Amino acid sequence: MKLWQDLFSTDYGLLSLAVILFMLVMAAWFYRFFRKKMMLPPGKN
């Protein structure tokens, strides 16, 4: 339980949580971006 308490109540825990969430959002964005680019016919940007 100390892990969850530290994650949500300390400055380094909240910063770690923010970084984890940012990386997940960035990974989803890159997935959609590259998937859309791969579906385009050759020669189109």
PDB file of N, CA and C in Angstrom:
ATOM      1  N   MET A   1       0.810  -1.198   0.000  1.00  0.00           N
ATOM      2  CA  MET A   1       0.000   0.000   0.000  1.00  0.00           C
ATOM      3  C   MET A   1       0.858   1.268   0.000  1.00  0.00           C
ATOM      4  N   LYS A   2       2.058   1.195   0.520  1.00  0.00           N
ATOM      5  CA  LYS A   2       2.927   2.372   0.524  1.00  0.00           C
ATOM      6  C   LYS A   2       3.244   2.815  -0.904  1.00  0.00           C
ATOM      7  N   LEU A   3       3.324   1.860  -1.815  1.00  0.00           N
ATOM      8  CA  LEU A   3       3.598   2.183  -3.212  1.00  0.00           C
ATOM      9  C   LEU A   3       2.525   3.116  -3.766  1.00  0.00           C
ATOM     10  N   TRP A   4       1.260   2.760  -3.573  1.00  0.00           N
ATOM     11  CA  TRP A   4       0.163   3.577  -4.092  1.00  0.00           C
ATOM     12  C   TRP A   4       0.102   4.927  -3.381  1.00  0.00           C
ATOM     13  N   GLN A   5       0.384   4.909  -2.096  1.00  0.00           N
ATOM     14  CA  GLN A   5       0.373   6.162  -1.331  1.00  0.00           C
ATOM     15  C   GLN A   5       1.466   7.098  -1.849  1.00  0.00           C
ATOM     16  N   ASP A   6       2.659   6.555  -2.092  1.00  0.00           N
ATOM     17  CA  ASP A   6       3.745   7.377  -2.633  1.00  0.00           C
ATOM     18  C   ASP A   6       3.433   7.850  -4.050  1.00  0.00           C
ATOM     19  N   LEU A   7       2.810   6.988  -4.849  1.00  0.00           N
ATOM     20  CA  LEU A   7       2.529   7.345  -6.234  1.00  0.00           C
ATOM     21  C   LEU A   7       1.568   8.524  -6.330  1.00  0.00           C
ATOM     22  N   PHE A   8       0.559   8.561  -5.479  1.00  0.00           N
ATOM     23  CA  PHE A   8      -0.459   9.592  -5.590  1.00  0.00           C
ATOM     24  C   PHE A   8      -0.281  10.775  -4.639  1.00  0.00           C
ATOM     25  N   SER A   9       0.662  10.708  -3.725  1.00  0.00           N
ATOM     26  CA  SER A   9       0.742  11.787  -2.746  1.00  0.00           C
ATOM     27  C   SER A   9       2.084  12.512  -2.704  1.00  0.00           C
ATOM     28  N   THR A  10       3.091  12.003  -3.379  1.00  0.00           N
ATOM     29  CA  THR A  10       4.389  12.693  -3.354  1.00  0.00           C
ATOM     30  C   THR A  10       4.645  13.360  -4.697  1.00  0.00           C
ATOM     31  N   ASP A  11       5.536  14.335  -4.687  1.00  0.00           N
ATOM     32  CA  ASP A  11       5.833  15.039  -5.932  1.00  0.00           C
ATOM     33  C   ASP A  11       6.501  14.125  -6.949  1.00  0.00           C
ATOM     34  N   TYR A  12       7.420  13.269  -6.517  1.00  0.00           N
ATOM     35  CA  TYR A  12       8.080  12.368  -7.464  1.00  0.00           C
ATOM     36  C   TYR A  12       7.135  11.268  -7.946  1.00  0.00           C
ATOM     37  N   GLY A  13       6.167  10.888  -7.131  1.00  0.00           N
ATOM     38  CA  GLY A  13       5.176   9.910  -7.561  1.00  0.00           C
ATOM     39  C   GLY A  13       4.243  10.482  -8.610  1.00  0.00           C
ATOM     40  N   LEU A  14       3.788  11.714  -8.386  1.00  0.00           N
ATOM     41  CA  LEU A  14       2.897  12.349  -9.356  1.00  0.00           C
ATOM     42  C   LEU A  14       3.628  12.630 -10.668  1.00  0.00           C
ATOM     43  N   LEU A  15       4.894  13.016 -10.580  1.00  0.00           N
ATOM     44  CA  LEU A  15       5.675  13.245 -11.793  1.00  0.00           C
ATOM     45  C   LEU A  15       5.886  11.937 -12.551  1.00  0.00           C
ATOM     46  N   SER A  16       6.141  10.856 -11.841  1.00  0.00           N
ATOM     47  CA  SER A  16       6.280   9.549 -12.476  1.00  0.00           C
ATOM     48  C   SER A  16       4.978   9.133 -13.154  1.00  0.00           C
ATOM     49  N   LEU A  17       3.872   9.356 -12.490  1.00  0.00           N
ATOM     50  CA  LEU A  17       2.576   9.033 -13.062  1.00  0.00           C
ATOM     51  C   LEU A  17       2.311   9.861 -14.316  1.00  0.00           C
ATOM     52  N   ALA A  18       2.674  11.134 -14.290  1.00  0.00           N
ATOM     53  CA  ALA A  18       2.501  11.997 -15.450  1.00  0.00           C
ATOM     54  C   ALA A  18       3.344  11.510 -16.623  1.00  0.00           C
ATOM     55  N   VAL A  19       4.564  11.092 -16.352  1.00  0.00           N
ATOM     56  CA  VAL A  19       5.442  10.592 -17.417  1.00  0.00           C
ATOM     57  C   VAL A  19       4.893   9.288 -17.996  1.00  0.00           C
ATOM     58  N   ILE A  20       4.417   8.402 -17.159  1.00  0.00           N
ATOM     59  CA  ILE A  20       3.843   7.134 -17.632  1.00  0.00           C
ATOM     60  C   ILE A  20       2.629   7.402 -18.508  1.00  0.00           C
ATOM     61  N   LEU A  21       1.742   8.286 -18.076  1.00  0.00           N
ATOM     62  CA  LEU A  21       0.559   8.612 -18.863  1.00  0.00           C
ATOM     63  C   LEU A  21       0.934   9.291 -20.181  1.00  0.00           C
ATOM     64  N   PHE A  22       1.909  10.182 -20.130  1.00  0.00           N
ATOM     65  CA  PHE A  22       2.358  10.849 -21.347  1.00  0.00           C
ATOM     66  C   PHE A  22       2.922   9.837 -22.343  1.00  0.00           C
ATOM     67  N   MET A  23       3.699   8.884 -21.882  1.00  0.00           N
ATOM     68  CA  MET A  23       4.273   7.879 -22.771  1.00  0.00           C
ATOM     69  C   MET A  23       3.188   7.000 -23.388  1.00  0.00           C
ATOM     70  N   LEU A  24       2.159   6.653 -22.639  1.00  0.00           N
ATOM     71  CA  LEU A  24       1.055   5.854 -23.182  1.00  0.00           C
ATOM     72  C   LEU A  24       0.285   6.619 -24.255  1.00  0.00           C
ATOM     73  N   VAL A  25       0.019   7.895 -23.996  1.00  0.00           N
ATOM     74  CA  VAL A  25      -0.678   8.716 -24.978  1.00  0.00           C
ATOM     75  C   VAL A  25       0.184   8.894 -26.221  1.00  0.00           C
ATOM     76  N   MET A  26       1.471   9.116 -26.037  1.00  0.00           N
ATOM     77  CA  MET A  26       2.372   9.286 -27.167  1.00  0.00           C
ATOM     78  C   MET A  26       2.469   8.004 -27.992  1.00  0.00           C
ATOM     79  N   ALA A  27       2.497   6.849 -27.349  1.00  0.00           N
ATOM     80  CA  ALA A  27       2.553   5.571 -28.061  1.00  0.00           C
ATOM     81  C   ALA A  27       1.285   5.363 -28.885  1.00  0.00           C
ATOM     82  N   ALA A  28       0.127   5.697 -28.334  1.00  0.00           N
ATOM     83  CA  ALA A  28      -1.131   5.561 -29.072  1.00  0.00           C
ATOM     84  C   ALA A  28      -1.158   6.514 -30.255  1.00  0.00           C
ATOM     85  N   TRP A  29      -0.673   7.734 -30.062  1.00  0.00           N
ATOM     86  CA  TRP A  29      -0.643   8.697 -31.158  1.00  0.00           C
ATOM     87  C   TRP A  29       0.287   8.219 -32.282  1.00  0.00           C
ATOM     88  N   PHE A  30       1.482   7.744 -31.936  1.00  0.00           N
ATOM     89  CA  PHE A  30       2.413   7.235 -32.948  1.00  0.00           C
ATOM     90  C   PHE A  30       1.824   6.033 -33.678  1.00  0.00           C
ATOM     91  N   TYR A  31       1.146   5.156 -32.966  1.00  0.00           N
ATOM     92  CA  TYR A  31       0.526   3.993 -33.594  1.00  0.00           C
ATOM     93  C   TYR A  31      -0.473   4.441 -34.648  1.00  0.00           C
ATOM     94  N   ARG A  32      -1.368   5.360 -34.289  1.00  0.00           N
ATOM     95  CA  ARG A  32      -2.375   5.839 -35.241  1.00  0.00           C
ATOM     96  C   ARG A  32      -1.738   6.596 -36.393  1.00  0.00           C
ATOM     97  N   PHE A  33      -0.733   7.409 -36.102  1.00  0.00           N
ATOM     98  CA  PHE A  33      -0.065   8.204 -37.141  1.00  0.00           C
ATOM     99  C   PHE A  33       0.606   7.307 -38.174  1.00  0.00           C
ATOM    100  N   PHE A  34       1.402   6.344 -37.713  1.00  0.00           N
ATOM    101  CA  PHE A  34       2.121   5.480 -38.643  1.00  0.00           C
ATOM    102  C   PHE A  34       1.174   4.511 -39.343  1.00  0.00           C
ATOM    103  N   ARG A  35       0.136   4.076 -38.671  1.00  0.00           N
ATOM    104  CA  ARG A  35      -0.842   3.184 -39.301  1.00  0.00           C
ATOM    105  C   ARG A  35      -1.543   3.910 -40.454  1.00  0.00           C
ATOM    106  N   LYS A  36      -1.900   5.183 -40.223  1.00  0.00           N
ATOM    107  CA  LYS A  36      -2.539   5.971 -41.275  1.00  0.00           C
ATOM    108  C   LYS A  36      -1.584   6.179 -42.451  1.00  0.00           C
ATOM    109  N   LYS A  37      -0.314   6.453 -42.159  1.00  0.00           N
ATOM    110  CA  LYS A  37       0.679   6.652 -43.217  1.00  0.00           C
ATOM    111  C   LYS A  37       0.921   5.368 -44.008  1.00  0.00           C
ATOM    112  N   MET A  38       0.888   4.216 -43.354  1.00  0.00           N
ATOM    113  CA  MET A  38       1.119   2.947 -44.047  1.00  0.00           C
ATOM    114  C   MET A  38      -0.039   2.599 -44.969  1.00  0.00           C
ATOM    115  N   MET A  39      -1.235   3.104 -44.698  1.00  0.00           N
ATOM    116  CA  MET A  39      -2.399   2.780 -45.520  1.00  0.00           C
ATOM    117  C   MET A  39      -2.474   3.633 -46.788  1.00  0.00           C
ATOM    118  N   LEU A  40      -1.684   4.703 -46.859  1.00  0.00           N
ATOM    119  CA  LEU A  40      -1.702   5.541 -48.049  1.00  0.00           C
ATOM    120  C   LEU A  40      -1.029   4.816 -49.214  1.00  0.00           C
ATOM    121  N   PRO A  41      -1.478   5.068 -50.423  1.00  0.00           N
ATOM    122  CA  PRO A  41      -0.805   4.459 -51.568  1.00  0.00           C
ATOM    123  C   PRO A  41       0.603   5.059 -51.731  1.00  0.00           C
ATOM    124  N   PRO A  42       1.510   4.341 -52.371  1.00  0.00           N
ATOM    125  CA  PRO A  42       2.887   4.847 -52.550  1.00  0.00           C
ATOM    126  C   PRO A  42       2.888   6.174 -53.306  1.00  0.00           C
ATOM    127  N   GLY A  43       3.785   7.057 -52.912  1.00  0.00           N
ATOM    128  CA  GLY A  43       3.906   8.354 -53.554  1.00  0.00           C
ATOM    129  C   GLY A  43       3.084   9.447 -52.908  1.00  0.00           C
ATOM    130  N   LYS A  44       2.176   9.101 -52.027  1.00  0.00           N
ATOM    131  CA  LYS A  44       1.365  10.101 -51.321  1.00  0.00           C
ATOM    132  C   LYS A  44       1.978  10.356 -49.947  1.00  0.00           C
ATOM    133  N   ASN A  45       1.905  11.605 -49.498  1.00  0.00           N
ATOM    134  CA  ASN A  45       2.438  11.914 -48.175  1.00  0.00           C
ATOM    135  C   ASN A  45       1.338  12.329 -47.297  1.00  0.00           C
TER     136      ASN A  45
END
